[in-house]
Amino acid sequence: METKIIKVTHVTGTYIIEVTNGALNDMKTQLDKCLNDEQGAIVVKGEDGDQFVYPSDFLKNSFISIVDRE
């Protein structure tokens, strides 16, 4: 199974959301909900316990792509 990342390109920079194995469909669902105003943000926990919040408005003003991890 190939591992994927979500690359979010915004005017403020490029952000990478790591997708754990088996969680790609869940992340796609969360992205869809954010883009359709059904969810306020996506919260991702980092490896060292940090939390990263990607608000819905931020995602709507970004170019989002799902690519293979390099």
N, C-alpha and C. Protein backbone atom coordinates (compact mmCIF):
# COMPACT_ATOMS: atom_id res chain seq x y z
N MET A 1 0.83 -1.18 0.00
CA MET A 1 0.00 0.00 0.00
C MET A 1 0.88 1.24 0.00
N GLU A 2 0.62 2.14 -0.93
CA GLU A 2 1.40 3.36 -1.01
C GLU A 2 0.93 4.35 0.04
N THR A 3 1.88 5.05 0.61
CA THR A 3 1.52 6.07 1.58
C THR A 3 1.36 7.40 0.85
N LYS A 4 0.41 8.18 1.32
CA LYS A 4 0.08 9.45 0.67
C LYS A 4 0.28 10.60 1.63
N ILE A 5 0.41 11.78 1.07
CA ILE A 5 0.41 13.02 1.82
C ILE A 5 -0.57 13.97 1.14
N ILE A 6 -1.08 14.90 1.92
CA ILE A 6 -1.94 15.95 1.37
C ILE A 6 -1.11 17.22 1.35
N LYS A 7 -0.96 17.78 0.17
CA LYS A 7 -0.16 18.99 0.00
C LYS A 7 -1.13 20.16 -0.16
N VAL A 8 -1.05 21.13 0.75
CA VAL A 8 -1.92 22.30 0.74
C VAL A 8 -1.06 23.51 0.37
N THR A 9 -1.34 24.09 -0.80
CA THR A 9 -0.59 25.26 -1.25
C THR A 9 -1.46 26.49 -1.06
N HIS A 10 -1.01 27.39 -0.21
CA HIS A 10 -1.73 28.62 0.13
C HIS A 10 -0.80 29.79 -0.16
N VAL A 11 -1.34 30.98 -0.22
CA VAL A 11 -0.52 32.15 -0.49
C VAL A 11 0.57 32.34 0.59
N THR A 12 0.34 31.80 1.79
CA THR A 12 1.31 31.92 2.87
C THR A 12 2.37 30.83 2.85
N GLY A 13 2.22 29.83 1.99
CA GLY A 13 3.22 28.77 1.90
C GLY A 13 2.59 27.43 1.56
N THR A 14 3.44 26.40 1.55
CA THR A 14 2.99 25.04 1.26
C THR A 14 3.06 24.23 2.55
N TYR A 15 1.98 23.54 2.83
CA TYR A 15 1.86 22.76 4.06
C TYR A 15 1.63 21.30 3.69
N ILE A 16 2.22 20.41 4.46
CA ILE A 16 2.11 18.97 4.22
C ILE A 16 1.34 18.34 5.38
N ILE A 17 0.29 17.61 5.05
CA ILE A 17 -0.46 16.85 6.05
C ILE A 17 -0.12 15.38 5.84
N GLU A 18 0.52 14.79 6.84
CA GLU A 18 0.88 13.38 6.77
C GLU A 18 -0.38 12.54 6.97
N VAL A 19 -0.60 11.56 6.11
CA VAL A 19 -1.75 10.67 6.21
C VAL A 19 -1.25 9.31 6.67
N THR A 20 -1.75 8.87 7.83
CA THR A 20 -1.34 7.56 8.33
C THR A 20 -1.97 6.46 7.49
N ASN A 21 -1.36 5.29 7.51
CA ASN A 21 -1.87 4.17 6.72
C ASN A 21 -3.32 3.88 7.07
N GLY A 22 -4.16 3.78 6.06
CA GLY A 22 -5.56 3.46 6.25
C GLY A 22 -6.45 4.65 6.57
N ALA A 23 -5.89 5.85 6.67
CA ALA A 23 -6.69 7.02 7.05
C ALA A 23 -6.98 7.95 5.87
N LEU A 24 -6.63 7.55 4.66
CA LEU A 24 -6.81 8.43 3.51
C LEU A 24 -8.28 8.74 3.26
N ASN A 25 -9.14 7.75 3.31
CA ASN A 25 -10.57 7.98 3.07
C ASN A 25 -11.16 8.91 4.14
N ASP A 26 -10.73 8.75 5.38
CA ASP A 26 -11.20 9.63 6.45
C ASP A 26 -10.76 11.07 6.19
N MET A 27 -9.52 11.26 5.76
CA MET A 27 -9.02 12.61 5.48
C MET A 27 -9.76 13.23 4.29
N LYS A 28 -10.06 12.43 3.28
CA LYS A 28 -10.83 12.93 2.14
C LYS A 28 -12.22 13.38 2.58
N THR A 29 -12.84 12.60 3.46
CA THR A 29 -14.16 12.95 3.98
C THR A 29 -14.10 14.25 4.78
N GLN A 30 -13.08 14.40 5.61
CA GLN A 30 -12.93 15.62 6.39
C GLN A 30 -12.69 16.83 5.48
N LEU A 31 -11.88 16.66 4.43
CA LEU A 31 -11.66 17.75 3.47
C LEU A 31 -12.96 18.15 2.79
N ASP A 32 -13.74 17.17 2.36
CA ASP A 32 -15.02 17.46 1.72
C ASP A 32 -15.95 18.22 2.66
N LYS A 33 -15.99 17.80 3.91
CA LYS A 33 -16.85 18.47 4.89
C LYS A 33 -16.41 19.92 5.11
N CYS A 34 -15.10 20.15 5.17
CA CYS A 34 -14.60 21.51 5.35
C CYS A 34 -14.94 22.38 4.15
N LEU A 35 -14.78 21.83 2.96
CA LEU A 35 -15.03 22.61 1.75
C LEU A 35 -16.52 22.87 1.54
N ASN A 36 -17.38 22.06 2.16
CA ASN A 36 -18.84 22.22 2.05
C ASN A 36 -19.45 22.87 3.29
N ASP A 37 -18.65 23.49 4.13
CA ASP A 37 -19.10 24.17 5.35
C ASP A 37 -19.84 23.26 6.33
N GLU A 38 -19.50 21.99 6.36
CA GLU A 38 -20.10 21.07 7.31
C GLU A 38 -19.19 20.83 8.51
N GLN A 39 -17.94 21.25 8.41
CA GLN A 39 -16.95 21.07 9.48
C GLN A 39 -16.09 22.31 9.51
N GLY A 40 -15.73 22.79 10.70
CA GLY A 40 -15.01 24.04 10.84
C GLY A 40 -13.52 23.96 10.57
N ALA A 41 -12.91 22.80 10.79
CA ALA A 41 -11.47 22.68 10.62
C ALA A 41 -11.07 21.21 10.64
N ILE A 42 -9.84 20.97 10.18
CA ILE A 42 -9.22 19.65 10.31
C ILE A 42 -8.11 19.81 11.35
N VAL A 43 -8.10 18.93 12.34
CA VAL A 43 -7.06 18.94 13.37
C VAL A 43 -6.24 17.68 13.21
N VAL A 44 -4.92 17.86 13.07
CA VAL A 44 -4.01 16.74 12.88
C VAL A 44 -2.98 16.75 14.01
N LYS A 45 -2.78 15.59 14.62
CA LYS A 45 -1.76 15.47 15.67
C LYS A 45 -0.44 15.05 15.04
N GLY A 46 0.62 15.76 15.42
CA GLY A 46 1.95 15.44 14.94
C GLY A 46 2.55 14.29 15.73
N GLU A 47 3.71 13.84 15.29
CA GLU A 47 4.37 12.71 15.93
C GLU A 47 4.75 13.00 17.38
N ASP A 48 5.12 14.24 17.68
CA ASP A 48 5.56 14.58 19.02
C ASP A 48 4.44 15.19 19.87
N GLY A 49 3.19 14.98 19.47
CA GLY A 49 2.06 15.45 20.25
C GLY A 49 1.53 16.83 19.89
N ASP A 50 2.20 17.52 18.97
CA ASP A 50 1.72 18.83 18.54
C ASP A 50 0.43 18.68 17.76
N GLN A 51 -0.42 19.71 17.83
CA GLN A 51 -1.65 19.71 17.06
C GLN A 51 -1.57 20.80 16.01
N PHE A 52 -1.98 20.46 14.80
CA PHE A 52 -2.02 21.41 13.70
C PHE A 52 -3.46 21.57 13.27
N VAL A 53 -3.93 22.82 13.20
CA VAL A 53 -5.32 23.11 12.86
C VAL A 53 -5.35 23.76 11.48
N TYR A 54 -6.14 23.19 10.59
CA TYR A 54 -6.32 23.74 9.25
C TYR A 54 -7.77 24.18 9.12
N PRO A 55 -8.07 25.48 9.34
CA PRO A 55 -9.45 25.97 9.30
C PRO A 55 -10.08 25.83 7.92
N SER A 56 -11.38 25.74 7.91
CA SER A 56 -12.14 25.58 6.68
C SER A 56 -11.87 26.71 5.69
N ASP A 57 -11.86 27.96 6.16
CA ASP A 57 -11.62 29.10 5.26
C ASP A 57 -10.22 29.04 4.65
N PHE A 58 -9.24 28.58 5.43
CA PHE A 58 -7.88 28.41 4.94
C PHE A 58 -7.85 27.39 3.80
N LEU A 59 -8.54 26.26 4.00
CA LEU A 59 -8.55 25.20 2.99
C LEU A 59 -9.28 25.64 1.72
N LYS A 60 -10.33 26.43 1.87
CA LYS A 60 -11.09 26.90 0.71
C LYS A 60 -10.26 27.83 -0.17
N ASN A 61 -9.29 28.51 0.41
CA ASN A 61 -8.45 29.44 -0.34
C ASN A 61 -7.10 28.84 -0.69
N SER A 62 -7.05 27.53 -0.80
CA SER A 62 -5.80 26.82 -1.07
C SER A 62 -5.99 25.86 -2.24
N PHE A 63 -4.86 25.47 -2.83
CA PHE A 63 -4.83 24.40 -3.81
C PHE A 63 -4.46 23.14 -3.05
N ILE A 64 -5.30 22.10 -3.13
CA ILE A 64 -5.09 20.88 -2.35
C ILE A 64 -4.84 19.72 -3.30
N SER A 65 -3.77 18.97 -3.05
CA SER A 65 -3.49 17.79 -3.86
C SER A 65 -3.08 16.63 -2.96
N ILE A 66 -3.43 15.43 -3.39
CA ILE A 66 -3.05 14.22 -2.67
C ILE A 66 -2.02 13.51 -3.54
N VAL A 67 -0.81 13.37 -3.01
CA VAL A 67 0.30 12.81 -3.78
C VAL A 67 0.98 11.70 -3.00
N ASP A 68 1.78 10.91 -3.71
CA ASP A 68 2.57 9.86 -3.07
C ASP A 68 3.68 10.50 -2.23
N ARG A 69 3.97 9.88 -1.11
CA ARG A 69 5.08 10.34 -0.28
C ARG A 69 6.36 10.04 -1.03
N GLU A 70 7.24 11.00 -1.05
CA GLU A 70 8.50 10.86 -1.80
C GLU A 70 9.54 10.09 -1.06
